[in-house]
Amino acid sequence: MRLAWRTLSGHLTGNPIRDADLEAYVFTPCLTVPRGLFVTLKKGEQVRGRQGEIEATRPLYQQVIVFTRRAATRDPRFLPLTDRDLAGLTVELSIIGARRTVSGPGDIRLDTEGVFLEKWGRRAVFLPGTALRQGWTPERTLDELCSQAALPKGCWSESARIQVFTTEDVAGGPPPEAAPTSSPGPSASPEPFPTPAVTAPPGQTPSGASRTTAARSTT
């Protein structure tokens, strides 16, 4: 969470995080393992930006840096944040857990699991809790995922890849001003990275959905 806030505040105040800054953090093994991640920025209960990917394309600490920046200023559904927005913001990190393939809606537990759907090169994802807050059934959830992915509703019943997953969620406001002190961590620049295969593009709703198409991946 400290890394997310250092990234966010630096990005919005013109003091971006650098390789040398990473030396002040301890990177435990779980932070250096590739993981999927979504970063959500909120003011109160209002979402002000969400970006991420379900695929584990980078070490987790790099995902935090990349998607915190993108959630702040590159979510096309919201106005870019500025330094004036820092007060009152909350950062939420949703770390993607193991995914399992299911055969249909009867195997989906909406109270604890997110849902990922892919068909014909198009894909969409709802984070855990999204469908439950909307009051959707598993069947309705799959229909909504089809819509998010620009697929016909109901097409999930034939040849679609459906997976469910849990997340580890961490949320919080700004940490104490004191910088962390520790032994040096990795000195890997967080930018540039290859464009991820799955992100939170324009099709994602503030409740937690995203879509990508075979033609392009929007980041």
Protein backbone atom coordinates (compact mmCIF):
# COMPACT_ATOMS: atom_id res chain seq x y z
CA MET A 1 0.00 0.00 0.00
CA ARG A 2 2.90 2.38 0.69
CA LEU A 3 4.20 1.74 -2.82
CA ALA A 4 0.78 2.44 -4.33
CA TRP A 5 0.51 5.74 -2.49
CA ARG A 6 4.05 6.79 -3.36
CA THR A 7 3.25 6.04 -6.99
CA LEU A 8 -0.07 7.88 -6.89
CA SER A 9 1.13 11.01 -5.11
CA GLY A 10 4.27 11.23 -7.23
CA HIS A 11 2.32 10.75 -10.44
CA LEU A 12 -0.13 13.53 -9.58
CA THR A 13 2.44 16.00 -8.24
CA GLY A 14 5.09 15.68 -10.95
CA ASN A 15 7.48 13.64 -8.80
CA PRO A 16 7.25 10.17 -10.39
CA ILE A 17 8.68 7.17 -8.61
CA ARG A 18 12.16 6.18 -9.83
CA ASP A 19 14.39 3.13 -9.55
CA ALA A 20 16.28 4.74 -6.68
CA ASP A 21 13.04 5.16 -4.73
CA LEU A 22 12.43 1.41 -4.81
CA GLU A 23 15.53 0.85 -2.68
CA ALA A 24 13.59 2.14 0.34
CA TYR A 25 11.13 -0.76 0.20
CA VAL A 26 11.34 -4.37 1.30
CA PHE A 27 10.10 -6.62 -1.49
CA THR A 28 8.96 -9.87 0.04
CA PRO A 29 8.69 -12.93 -2.23
CA CYS A 30 4.95 -12.41 -2.72
CA LEU A 31 5.62 -8.96 -4.22
CA THR A 32 8.12 -10.26 -6.77
CA VAL A 33 5.91 -13.08 -8.08
CA PRO A 34 3.83 -12.27 -11.20
CA ARG A 35 0.17 -11.68 -10.27
CA GLY A 36 -2.92 -10.25 -11.89
CA LEU A 37 -4.12 -7.04 -10.25
CA PHE A 38 -6.81 -4.38 -10.40
CA VAL A 39 -6.31 -0.97 -8.78
CA THR A 40 -9.40 1.02 -7.82
CA LEU A 41 -9.29 4.65 -6.69
CA LYS A 42 -12.27 5.90 -4.70
CA LYS A 43 -13.42 9.10 -3.08
CA GLY A 44 -15.91 8.00 -0.48
CA GLU A 45 -17.96 5.33 -2.24
CA GLN A 46 -17.49 6.92 -5.66
CA VAL A 47 -15.09 5.19 -8.03
CA ARG A 48 -12.71 7.69 -9.64
CA GLY A 49 -10.61 5.23 -11.62
CA ARG A 50 -10.01 1.51 -12.07
CA GLN A 51 -7.41 -0.24 -14.17
CA GLY A 52 -5.82 -3.67 -14.13
CA GLU A 53 -5.51 -7.06 -15.75
CA ILE A 54 -6.40 -10.58 -14.78
CA GLU A 55 -3.28 -12.11 -16.31
CA ALA A 56 -0.07 -12.38 -14.27
CA THR A 57 2.23 -10.58 -16.71
CA ARG A 58 4.54 -8.78 -14.25
CA PRO A 59 5.78 -9.02 -10.66
CA LEU A 60 3.13 -7.73 -8.30
CA TYR A 61 5.07 -4.64 -7.24
CA GLN A 62 5.39 -3.58 -10.89
CA GLN A 63 1.68 -4.16 -11.45
CA VAL A 64 0.95 -1.84 -8.52
CA ILE A 65 3.05 0.93 -10.07
CA VAL A 66 1.68 0.56 -13.60
CA PHE A 67 -2.01 0.29 -12.77
CA THR A 68 -2.03 2.90 -10.02
CA ARG A 69 -0.79 5.40 -12.59
CA ARG A 70 -3.29 4.28 -15.18
CA ALA A 71 -6.22 4.30 -12.77
CA ALA A 72 -5.38 7.89 -11.81
CA THR A 73 -5.14 9.43 -15.27
CA ARG A 74 -5.90 6.89 -18.01
CA ASP A 75 -9.34 5.51 -17.21
CA PRO A 76 -11.41 6.99 -20.06
CA ARG A 77 -14.64 6.78 -18.06
CA PHE A 78 -13.48 9.43 -15.59
CA LEU A 79 -11.76 12.79 -15.64
CA PRO A 80 -8.04 12.41 -14.87
CA LEU A 81 -7.21 12.97 -11.22
CA THR A 82 -5.00 15.86 -10.12
CA ASP A 83 -3.04 16.62 -6.96
CA ARG A 84 -6.15 18.34 -5.60
CA ASP A 85 -7.91 14.97 -5.56
CA LEU A 86 -5.38 13.29 -3.26
CA ALA A 87 -7.20 14.34 -0.09
CA GLY A 88 -9.88 11.81 0.72
CA LEU A 89 -8.82 9.21 -1.84
CA THR A 90 -8.75 5.53 -1.01
CA VAL A 91 -6.65 3.01 -2.92
CA GLU A 92 -7.99 -0.53 -3.28
CA LEU A 93 -5.77 -3.34 -4.56
CA SER A 94 -7.50 -6.51 -5.77
CA ILE A 95 -4.87 -9.21 -6.24
CA ILE A 96 -6.09 -12.00 -8.50
CA GLY A 97 -5.95 -15.47 -6.97
CA ALA A 98 -6.04 -18.88 -8.61
CA ARG A 99 -8.54 -19.29 -11.44
CA ARG A 100 -10.59 -22.41 -12.10
CA THR A 101 -12.57 -23.28 -15.19
CA VAL A 102 -16.29 -23.98 -14.74
CA SER A 103 -18.81 -25.54 -17.09
CA GLY A 104 -21.68 -23.16 -16.47
CA PRO A 105 -23.59 -20.88 -14.10
CA GLY A 106 -24.31 -23.68 -11.63
CA ASP A 107 -20.64 -23.74 -10.63
CA ILE A 108 -20.34 -20.01 -9.94
CA ARG A 109 -20.37 -18.69 -6.36
CA LEU A 110 -21.18 -15.01 -6.72
CA ASP A 111 -20.76 -14.30 -3.01
CA THR A 112 -17.04 -15.06 -3.05
CA GLU A 113 -15.84 -15.29 -6.65
CA GLY A 114 -15.22 -13.07 -9.63
CA VAL A 115 -16.05 -14.29 -13.13
CA PHE A 116 -14.00 -14.21 -16.34
CA LEU A 117 -15.44 -15.01 -19.77
CA GLU A 118 -13.70 -15.40 -23.12
CA LYS A 119 -15.08 -16.31 -26.54
CA TRP A 120 -14.01 -15.57 -30.12
CA GLY A 121 -11.01 -13.63 -28.83
CA ARG A 122 -13.20 -11.29 -26.77
CA ARG A 123 -13.10 -11.26 -23.00
CA ALA A 124 -14.59 -9.57 -19.96
CA VAL A 125 -14.29 -9.86 -16.20
CA PHE A 126 -16.29 -8.96 -13.11
CA LEU A 127 -14.42 -8.69 -9.81
CA PRO A 128 -15.84 -10.54 -6.79
CA GLY A 129 -18.93 -8.88 -5.36
CA THR A 130 -19.85 -7.00 -8.54
CA ALA A 131 -22.70 -9.26 -9.62
CA LEU A 132 -23.91 -9.75 -6.06
CA ARG A 133 -24.24 -5.99 -5.51
CA GLN A 134 -26.32 -5.78 -8.68
CA GLY A 135 -28.58 -8.60 -7.54
CA TRP A 136 -27.78 -10.71 -10.61
CA THR A 137 -28.14 -14.45 -10.94
CA PRO A 138 -25.18 -16.43 -12.34
CA GLU A 139 -26.98 -16.62 -15.69
CA ARG A 140 -27.56 -12.86 -15.75
CA THR A 141 -23.93 -12.33 -14.79
CA LEU A 142 -22.75 -14.33 -17.79
CA ASP A 143 -25.12 -12.40 -20.05
CA GLU A 144 -23.73 -9.12 -18.75
CA LEU A 145 -20.18 -10.32 -19.34
CA CYS A 146 -21.15 -11.14 -22.92
CA SER A 147 -22.46 -7.60 -23.34
CA GLN A 148 -19.28 -6.14 -21.86
CA ALA A 149 -17.24 -8.15 -24.36
CA ALA A 150 -19.47 -7.06 -27.28
CA LEU A 151 -20.80 -10.60 -27.65
CA PRO A 152 -24.44 -11.67 -28.07
CA LYS A 153 -26.18 -12.38 -24.79
CA GLY A 154 -26.54 -16.09 -24.17
CA CYS A 155 -23.56 -17.08 -26.29
CA TRP A 156 -21.75 -18.18 -23.13
CA SER A 157 -23.67 -21.47 -23.34
CA GLU A 158 -21.61 -22.69 -26.29
CA SER A 159 -17.82 -22.92 -26.47
CA ALA A 160 -17.11 -20.01 -24.12
CA ARG A 161 -14.26 -20.22 -21.62
CA ILE A 162 -15.65 -19.38 -18.18
CA GLN A 163 -13.40 -19.10 -15.16
CA VAL A 164 -13.96 -18.02 -11.57
CA PHE A 165 -11.43 -16.61 -9.13
CA THR A 166 -11.01 -15.02 -5.75
CA THR A 167 -9.04 -11.91 -4.86
CA GLU A 168 -6.91 -10.74 -1.97
CA ASP A 169 -8.12 -7.21 -1.23
CA VAL A 170 -6.10 -4.46 0.43
CA ALA A 171 -7.41 -0.92 0.86
CA GLY A 172 -6.38 2.21 2.67
CA GLY A 173 -5.81 5.94 2.71
CA PRO A 174 -2.49 7.79 2.72
CA PRO A 175 0.18 6.23 4.96
CA PRO A 176 2.24 8.26 7.45
CA GLU A 177 4.53 10.78 5.82
CA ALA A 178 7.67 9.00 7.01
CA ALA A 179 9.33 7.08 4.20
CA PRO A 180 9.94 3.36 4.73
CA THR A 181 13.44 2.33 5.71
CA SER A 182 14.83 -1.07 4.86
CA SER A 183 17.40 -2.96 2.88
CA PRO A 184 17.48 -2.33 -0.87
CA GLY A 185 14.89 -4.05 -3.03
CA PRO A 186 14.82 -4.72 -6.76
CA SER A 187 16.01 -1.93 -8.99
CA ALA A 188 13.77 -2.67 -11.93
CA SER A 189 12.24 0.31 -13.68
CA PRO A 190 8.44 0.07 -13.63
CA GLU A 191 8.15 1.55 -17.13
CA PRO A 192 8.05 0.78 -19.95
CA PHE A 193 6.34 -2.61 -20.03
CA PRO A 194 4.58 -4.51 -22.81
CA THR A 195 0.90 -3.70 -23.18
CA PRO A 196 -0.99 -6.27 -21.08
CA ALA A 197 -3.37 -8.72 -22.67
CA VAL A 198 -6.26 -7.91 -20.33
CA THR A 199 -6.89 -4.50 -18.83
CA ALA A 200 -9.72 -2.37 -17.53
CA PRO A 201 -10.71 -0.53 -20.71
CA PRO A 202 -13.65 1.66 -21.70
CA GLY A 203 -16.08 -1.27 -21.52
CA GLN A 204 -15.46 -1.70 -17.82
CA THR A 205 -18.16 -0.32 -15.59
CA PRO A 206 -17.44 1.43 -12.30
CA SER A 207 -18.75 -1.67 -10.54
CA GLY A 208 -15.82 -3.72 -11.76
CA ALA A 209 -16.22 -4.98 -15.32
CA SER A 210 -13.80 -4.84 -18.21
CA ARG A 211 -13.62 -6.07 -21.76
CA THR A 212 -11.07 -6.59 -24.50
CA THR A 213 -11.50 -7.58 -28.12
CA ALA A 214 -9.49 -9.55 -30.61
CA ALA A 215 -8.86 -6.40 -32.59
CA ARG A 216 -7.25 -4.38 -29.83
CA SER A 217 -6.46 -4.25 -26.15
CA THR A 218 -7.28 -0.89 -24.58
CA THR A 219 -5.10 0.17 -21.66
